[in-house]
N, C-alpha and C. Protein backbone atom coordinates (compact mmCIF):
# COMPACT_ATOMS: atom_id res chain seq x y z
N UNK A 1 0.81 -1.19 0.00
CA UNK A 1 0.00 0.00 0.00
C UNK A 1 0.85 1.26 0.00
N UNK A 2 2.10 1.13 0.37
CA UNK A 2 2.93 2.32 0.45
C UNK A 2 3.42 2.77 -0.92
N UNK A 3 3.67 1.82 -1.81
CA UNK A 3 4.17 2.15 -3.14
C UNK A 3 3.29 1.49 -4.19
N UNK A 4 2.12 2.05 -4.48
CA UNK A 4 1.20 1.37 -5.40
C UNK A 4 1.65 1.36 -6.85
N UNK A 5 2.61 2.21 -7.20
CA UNK A 5 3.06 2.23 -8.58
C UNK A 5 4.11 1.16 -8.88
N UNK A 6 4.59 0.45 -7.87
CA UNK A 6 5.61 -0.58 -8.08
C UNK A 6 5.01 -1.90 -8.58
N UNK A 7 3.84 -2.26 -8.11
CA UNK A 7 3.15 -3.47 -8.54
C UNK A 7 1.77 -3.07 -9.04
N UNK A 8 1.47 -3.45 -10.28
CA UNK A 8 0.23 -2.99 -10.88
C UNK A 8 -0.71 -4.11 -11.26
N UNK A 9 -1.63 -3.76 -12.11
CA UNK A 9 -2.69 -4.67 -12.54
C UNK A 9 -2.12 -5.83 -13.35
N UNK A 10 -1.17 -5.56 -14.23
CA UNK A 10 -0.63 -6.63 -15.07
C UNK A 10 0.15 -7.67 -14.26
N UNK A 11 0.85 -7.24 -13.22
CA UNK A 11 1.54 -8.18 -12.36
C UNK A 11 0.54 -9.05 -11.60
N UNK A 12 -0.55 -8.44 -11.13
CA UNK A 12 -1.59 -9.20 -10.44
C UNK A 12 -2.23 -10.21 -11.38
N UNK A 13 -2.47 -9.82 -12.60
CA UNK A 13 -3.04 -10.74 -13.60
C UNK A 13 -2.08 -11.89 -13.88
N UNK A 14 -0.81 -11.58 -14.05
CA UNK A 14 0.19 -12.61 -14.33
C UNK A 14 0.30 -13.61 -13.19
N UNK A 15 0.43 -13.12 -11.96
CA UNK A 15 0.56 -14.03 -10.81
C UNK A 15 -0.73 -14.81 -10.56
N UNK A 16 -1.87 -14.23 -10.87
CA UNK A 16 -3.13 -14.95 -10.75
C UNK A 16 -3.23 -16.10 -11.72
N UNK A 17 -2.83 -15.88 -12.97
CA UNK A 17 -2.85 -16.95 -13.97
C UNK A 17 -1.84 -18.03 -13.60
N UNK A 18 -0.66 -17.64 -13.13
CA UNK A 18 0.34 -18.63 -12.70
C UNK A 18 -0.19 -19.45 -11.54
N UNK A 19 -0.85 -18.82 -10.59
CA UNK A 19 -1.43 -19.55 -9.46
C UNK A 19 -2.56 -20.47 -9.91
N UNK A 20 -3.38 -20.01 -10.86
CA UNK A 20 -4.43 -20.88 -11.40
C UNK A 20 -3.84 -22.10 -12.08
N UNK A 21 -2.80 -21.91 -12.85
CA UNK A 21 -2.18 -23.03 -13.55
C UNK A 21 -1.48 -23.99 -12.59
N UNK A 22 -0.89 -23.47 -11.54
CA UNK A 22 -0.16 -24.34 -10.62
C UNK A 22 -1.07 -25.09 -9.65
N UNK A 23 -2.23 -24.53 -9.32
CA UNK A 23 -3.13 -25.20 -8.39
C UNK A 23 -4.24 -25.97 -9.07
N UNK A 24 -4.48 -25.72 -10.35
CA UNK A 24 -5.51 -26.45 -11.07
C UNK A 24 -6.91 -25.93 -10.85
N UNK A 25 -7.05 -24.71 -10.44
CA UNK A 25 -8.39 -24.13 -10.26
C UNK A 25 -8.89 -23.62 -11.60
N UNK A 26 -10.09 -23.07 -11.59
CA UNK A 26 -10.67 -22.52 -12.81
C UNK A 26 -9.76 -21.41 -13.31
N UNK A 27 -9.40 -21.49 -14.58
CA UNK A 27 -8.45 -20.55 -15.15
C UNK A 27 -9.02 -19.13 -15.15
N UNK A 28 -8.32 -18.25 -14.50
CA UNK A 28 -8.69 -16.85 -14.45
C UNK A 28 -9.37 -16.42 -13.17
N UNK A 29 -9.73 -17.36 -12.31
CA UNK A 29 -10.45 -16.98 -11.09
C UNK A 29 -9.53 -16.24 -10.11
N UNK A 30 -8.35 -16.80 -9.86
CA UNK A 30 -7.39 -16.09 -9.01
C UNK A 30 -6.97 -14.78 -9.67
N UNK A 31 -6.80 -14.81 -10.99
CA UNK A 31 -6.37 -13.61 -11.70
C UNK A 31 -7.38 -12.48 -11.54
N UNK A 32 -8.65 -12.80 -11.69
CA UNK A 32 -9.68 -11.76 -11.55
C UNK A 32 -9.72 -11.24 -10.12
N UNK A 33 -9.62 -12.14 -9.15
CA UNK A 33 -9.65 -11.70 -7.75
C UNK A 33 -8.42 -10.83 -7.42
N UNK A 34 -7.24 -11.24 -7.90
CA UNK A 34 -6.04 -10.44 -7.65
C UNK A 34 -6.15 -9.07 -8.31
N UNK A 35 -6.68 -9.02 -9.52
CA UNK A 35 -6.84 -7.74 -10.21
C UNK A 35 -7.82 -6.84 -9.46
N UNK A 36 -8.93 -7.40 -8.97
CA UNK A 36 -9.89 -6.60 -8.22
C UNK A 36 -9.29 -6.06 -6.93
N UNK A 37 -8.56 -6.90 -6.21
CA UNK A 37 -7.94 -6.44 -4.96
C UNK A 37 -6.87 -5.39 -5.25
N UNK A 38 -6.09 -5.58 -6.31
CA UNK A 38 -5.07 -4.60 -6.68
C UNK A 38 -5.72 -3.28 -7.08
N UNK A 39 -6.80 -3.36 -7.82
CA UNK A 39 -7.50 -2.14 -8.22
C UNK A 39 -8.04 -1.39 -7.00
N UNK A 40 -8.64 -2.12 -6.07
CA UNK A 40 -9.18 -1.48 -4.86
C UNK A 40 -8.06 -0.82 -4.07
N UNK A 41 -6.93 -1.51 -3.93
CA UNK A 41 -5.80 -0.94 -3.18
C UNK A 41 -5.22 0.28 -3.88
N UNK A 42 -5.14 0.24 -5.22
CA UNK A 42 -4.59 1.39 -5.93
C UNK A 42 -5.58 2.56 -5.97
N UNK A 43 -6.85 2.24 -6.08
CA UNK A 43 -7.87 3.30 -6.18
C UNK A 43 -8.02 4.05 -4.86
N UNK A 44 -8.00 3.32 -3.75
CA UNK A 44 -8.21 3.93 -2.44
C UNK A 44 -6.90 4.00 -1.65
N UNK A 45 -5.80 4.16 -2.35
CA UNK A 45 -4.48 4.20 -1.75
C UNK A 45 -4.35 5.27 -0.68
N UNK A 46 -4.79 6.46 -0.99
CA UNK A 46 -4.62 7.57 -0.04
C UNK A 46 -5.51 7.41 1.19
N UNK A 47 -6.68 6.82 1.03
CA UNK A 47 -7.56 6.59 2.18
C UNK A 47 -7.01 5.49 3.07
N UNK A 48 -6.45 4.43 2.48
CA UNK A 48 -5.88 3.34 3.28
C UNK A 48 -4.62 3.77 4.01
N UNK A 49 -3.83 4.57 3.37
CA UNK A 49 -2.51 4.91 3.92
C UNK A 49 -2.61 5.74 5.20
N UNK A 50 -3.59 6.61 5.29
CA UNK A 50 -3.71 7.47 6.46
C UNK A 50 -4.55 6.83 7.56
N UNK A 51 -5.14 5.67 7.27
CA UNK A 51 -5.97 4.99 8.27
C UNK A 51 -5.09 4.38 9.35
N UNK A 52 -5.61 4.26 10.55
CA UNK A 52 -4.86 3.57 11.60
C UNK A 52 -4.66 2.09 11.23
N UNK A 53 -3.69 1.47 11.85
CA UNK A 53 -3.33 0.09 11.50
C UNK A 53 -4.48 -0.87 11.78
N UNK A 54 -5.27 -0.62 12.81
CA UNK A 54 -6.39 -1.52 13.11
C UNK A 54 -7.48 -1.41 12.05
N UNK A 55 -7.64 -0.22 11.49
CA UNK A 55 -8.64 -0.05 10.44
C UNK A 55 -8.18 -0.68 9.13
N UNK A 56 -6.89 -0.61 8.85
CA UNK A 56 -6.34 -1.30 7.69
C UNK A 56 -6.53 -2.81 7.83
N UNK A 57 -6.29 -3.33 9.03
CA UNK A 57 -6.48 -4.76 9.26
C UNK A 57 -7.94 -5.17 9.10
N UNK A 58 -8.86 -4.32 9.50
CA UNK A 58 -10.28 -4.61 9.34
C UNK A 58 -10.67 -4.64 7.87
N UNK A 59 -10.17 -3.69 7.11
CA UNK A 59 -10.45 -3.67 5.67
C UNK A 59 -9.89 -4.92 5.01
N UNK A 60 -8.67 -5.30 5.38
CA UNK A 60 -8.07 -6.50 4.82
C UNK A 60 -8.81 -7.76 5.25
N UNK A 61 -9.37 -7.77 6.46
CA UNK A 61 -10.18 -8.91 6.90
C UNK A 61 -11.35 -9.12 5.95
N UNK A 62 -12.07 -8.05 5.63
CA UNK A 62 -13.21 -8.18 4.74
C UNK A 62 -12.80 -8.56 3.32
N UNK A 63 -11.69 -8.01 2.84
CA UNK A 63 -11.21 -8.38 1.51
C UNK A 63 -10.84 -9.86 1.44
N UNK A 64 -10.12 -10.37 2.45
CA UNK A 64 -9.73 -11.77 2.45
C UNK A 64 -10.93 -12.69 2.63
N UNK A 65 -11.90 -12.28 3.42
CA UNK A 65 -13.08 -13.11 3.62
C UNK A 65 -13.89 -13.23 2.33
N UNK A 66 -14.06 -12.12 1.63
CA UNK A 66 -14.77 -12.16 0.34
C UNK A 66 -13.97 -12.97 -0.67
N UNK A 67 -12.65 -12.85 -0.64
CA UNK A 67 -11.78 -13.61 -1.54
C UNK A 67 -12.00 -15.11 -1.35
N UNK A 68 -12.05 -15.57 -0.11
CA UNK A 68 -12.26 -17.00 0.15
C UNK A 68 -13.68 -17.43 -0.19
N UNK A 69 -14.66 -16.55 -0.03
CA UNK A 69 -16.04 -16.92 -0.31
C UNK A 69 -16.29 -17.08 -1.80
N UNK A 70 -15.54 -16.39 -2.63
CA UNK A 70 -15.68 -16.56 -4.08
C UNK A 70 -15.34 -18.00 -4.47
N UNK A 71 -14.37 -18.59 -3.82
CA UNK A 71 -13.97 -19.95 -4.14
C UNK A 71 -14.90 -20.99 -3.51
N UNK A 72 -15.84 -20.57 -2.70
CA UNK A 72 -16.77 -21.51 -2.08
C UNK A 72 -17.85 -21.96 -3.06
N UNK A 73 -18.12 -21.17 -4.07
CA UNK A 73 -19.15 -21.55 -5.03
C UNK A 73 -18.65 -22.69 -5.90
N UNK A 74 -19.50 -23.65 -6.09
CA UNK A 74 -19.18 -24.79 -6.94
C UNK A 74 -19.47 -24.37 -8.38
N UNK A 75 -18.44 -24.05 -9.12
CA UNK A 75 -18.62 -23.51 -10.46
C UNK A 75 -18.98 -24.57 -11.49
N UNK A 76 -18.79 -25.84 -11.15
CA UNK A 76 -19.08 -26.90 -12.11
C UNK A 76 -20.51 -27.39 -12.03
N UNK A 77 -21.07 -27.45 -10.85
CA UNK A 77 -22.45 -27.93 -10.72
C UNK A 77 -23.23 -26.99 -9.82
N UNK A 78 -23.84 -26.03 -10.42
CA UNK A 78 -24.65 -25.07 -9.66
C UNK A 78 -26.06 -25.63 -9.53
N UNK A 79 -26.31 -26.32 -8.44
CA UNK A 79 -27.60 -26.92 -8.19
C UNK A 79 -28.36 -26.08 -7.18
N UNK A 80 -29.65 -26.35 -7.09
CA UNK A 80 -30.47 -25.58 -6.17
C UNK A 80 -30.14 -25.90 -4.72
N UNK A 81 -29.77 -27.15 -4.45
CA UNK A 81 -29.52 -27.54 -3.06
C UNK A 81 -28.06 -27.40 -2.64
N UNK A 82 -27.20 -26.90 -3.52
CA UNK A 82 -25.80 -26.72 -3.14
C UNK A 82 -25.66 -25.45 -2.30
N UNK A 83 -25.00 -25.59 -1.18
CA UNK A 83 -24.80 -24.44 -0.30
C UNK A 83 -23.41 -24.53 0.31
N UNK A 84 -23.00 -23.46 0.93
CA UNK A 84 -21.68 -23.40 1.56
C UNK A 84 -21.78 -24.09 2.91
N UNK A 85 -20.93 -25.07 3.15
CA UNK A 85 -20.99 -25.76 4.43
C UNK A 85 -20.33 -24.93 5.52
N UNK A 86 -20.65 -25.25 6.76
CA UNK A 86 -20.20 -24.45 7.89
C UNK A 86 -18.70 -24.60 8.13
N UNK A 87 -18.12 -25.73 7.77
CA UNK A 87 -16.67 -25.90 7.98
C UNK A 87 -15.88 -24.98 7.05
N UNK A 88 -16.34 -24.82 5.81
CA UNK A 88 -15.64 -23.91 4.90
C UNK A 88 -15.81 -22.47 5.36
N UNK A 89 -16.98 -22.15 5.87
CA UNK A 89 -17.22 -20.80 6.39
C UNK A 89 -16.30 -20.51 7.57
N UNK A 90 -16.12 -21.51 8.43
CA UNK A 90 -15.24 -21.35 9.58
C UNK A 90 -13.78 -21.20 9.15
N UNK A 91 -13.34 -22.01 8.19
CA UNK A 91 -11.95 -21.88 7.72
C UNK A 91 -11.74 -20.56 6.99
N UNK A 92 -12.75 -20.08 6.28
CA UNK A 92 -12.64 -18.76 5.63
C UNK A 92 -12.52 -17.65 6.67
N UNK A 93 -13.30 -17.76 7.73
CA UNK A 93 -13.26 -16.77 8.80
C UNK A 93 -11.90 -16.80 9.50
N UNK A 94 -11.38 -18.00 9.78
CA UNK A 94 -10.08 -18.12 10.44
C UNK A 94 -8.97 -17.60 9.53
N UNK A 95 -9.05 -17.89 8.23
CA UNK A 95 -8.06 -17.38 7.28
C UNK A 95 -8.05 -15.86 7.27
N UNK A 96 -9.24 -15.26 7.19
CA UNK A 96 -9.32 -13.80 7.15
C UNK A 96 -8.88 -13.18 8.48
N UNK A 97 -9.25 -13.81 9.58
CA UNK A 97 -8.87 -13.29 10.90
C UNK A 97 -7.36 -13.39 11.12
N UNK A 98 -6.77 -14.50 10.75
CA UNK A 98 -5.31 -14.64 10.92
C UNK A 98 -4.57 -13.68 10.00
N UNK A 99 -5.08 -13.46 8.80
CA UNK A 99 -4.45 -12.49 7.90
C UNK A 99 -4.55 -11.08 8.46
N UNK A 100 -5.67 -10.75 9.08
CA UNK A 100 -5.82 -9.43 9.68
C UNK A 100 -4.89 -9.25 10.88
N UNK A 101 -4.70 -10.31 11.67
CA UNK A 101 -3.80 -10.21 12.82
C UNK A 101 -2.33 -10.15 12.41
N UNK A 102 -1.99 -10.75 11.29
CA UNK A 102 -0.60 -10.74 10.82
C UNK A 102 -0.26 -9.43 10.11
N UNK A 103 -1.28 -8.71 9.63
CA UNK A 103 -1.04 -7.50 8.86
C UNK A 103 -0.18 -6.47 9.58
N UNK A 104 -0.38 -6.15 10.86
CA UNK A 104 0.50 -5.14 11.48
C UNK A 104 1.97 -5.55 11.46
N UNK A 105 2.26 -6.82 11.67
CA UNK A 105 3.65 -7.29 11.62
C UNK A 105 4.22 -7.12 10.22
N UNK A 106 3.47 -7.53 9.21
CA UNK A 106 3.92 -7.39 7.83
C UNK A 106 4.09 -5.91 7.47
N UNK A 107 3.18 -5.09 7.91
CA UNK A 107 3.24 -3.66 7.62
C UNK A 107 4.52 -3.04 8.17
N UNK A 108 4.84 -3.33 9.43
CA UNK A 108 6.02 -2.71 10.04
C UNK A 108 7.32 -3.28 9.48
N UNK A 109 7.34 -4.55 9.11
CA UNK A 109 8.53 -5.13 8.48
C UNK A 109 8.78 -4.51 7.12
N UNK A 110 7.72 -4.40 6.32
CA UNK A 110 7.87 -3.80 4.99
C UNK A 110 8.18 -2.32 5.06
N UNK A 111 7.64 -1.62 6.04
CA UNK A 111 7.96 -0.21 6.19
C UNK A 111 9.41 -0.02 6.59
N UNK A 112 9.91 -0.88 7.49
CA UNK A 112 11.32 -0.81 7.85
C UNK A 112 12.23 -1.10 6.68
N UNK A 113 11.85 -2.10 5.87
CA UNK A 113 12.65 -2.43 4.68
C UNK A 113 12.64 -1.26 3.70
N UNK A 114 11.47 -0.67 3.49
CA UNK A 114 11.37 0.44 2.55
C UNK A 114 12.19 1.63 3.00
N UNK A 115 12.19 1.90 4.28
CA UNK A 115 12.94 3.07 4.77
C UNK A 115 14.45 2.85 4.73
N UNK A 116 14.89 1.59 4.90
CA UNK A 116 16.32 1.32 4.90
C UNK A 116 16.88 1.09 3.50
N UNK A 117 16.16 0.34 2.68
CA UNK A 117 16.71 -0.12 1.41
C UNK A 117 16.34 0.72 0.20
N UNK A 118 15.13 1.17 0.14
CA UNK A 118 14.65 1.84 -1.07
C UNK A 118 14.84 3.34 -0.91
N UNK A 119 15.62 3.89 -1.78
CA UNK A 119 15.84 5.34 -1.79
C UNK A 119 15.07 5.93 -2.95
N UNK A 120 14.34 6.99 -2.71
CA UNK A 120 13.54 7.60 -3.77
C UNK A 120 14.42 8.37 -4.65
């Protein structure tokens, strides 16, 4: 979030397609999700940057939770009785919660690296 011009939409698309090919998921699903998250981060860069760290973690919690819920849909057989089971919902919640709790650590490590290594 500190340097949004360093990684852009095309990098997100590339890494999404590579992840789709390596994991065997539906081609383009990770790519679309990565592009949407990158767009949101670049579009609201100034609002995210001045927010307190707990508010950034909350925003990332919701982004990661929605990201995991997109993969909960069964794209091959969309039946009327197919629904998201509670175990997947719980693992999605734990994934998003752990990502939100790890965010302050990642933020301060990357900020320290940026201040020491990257000269404008």
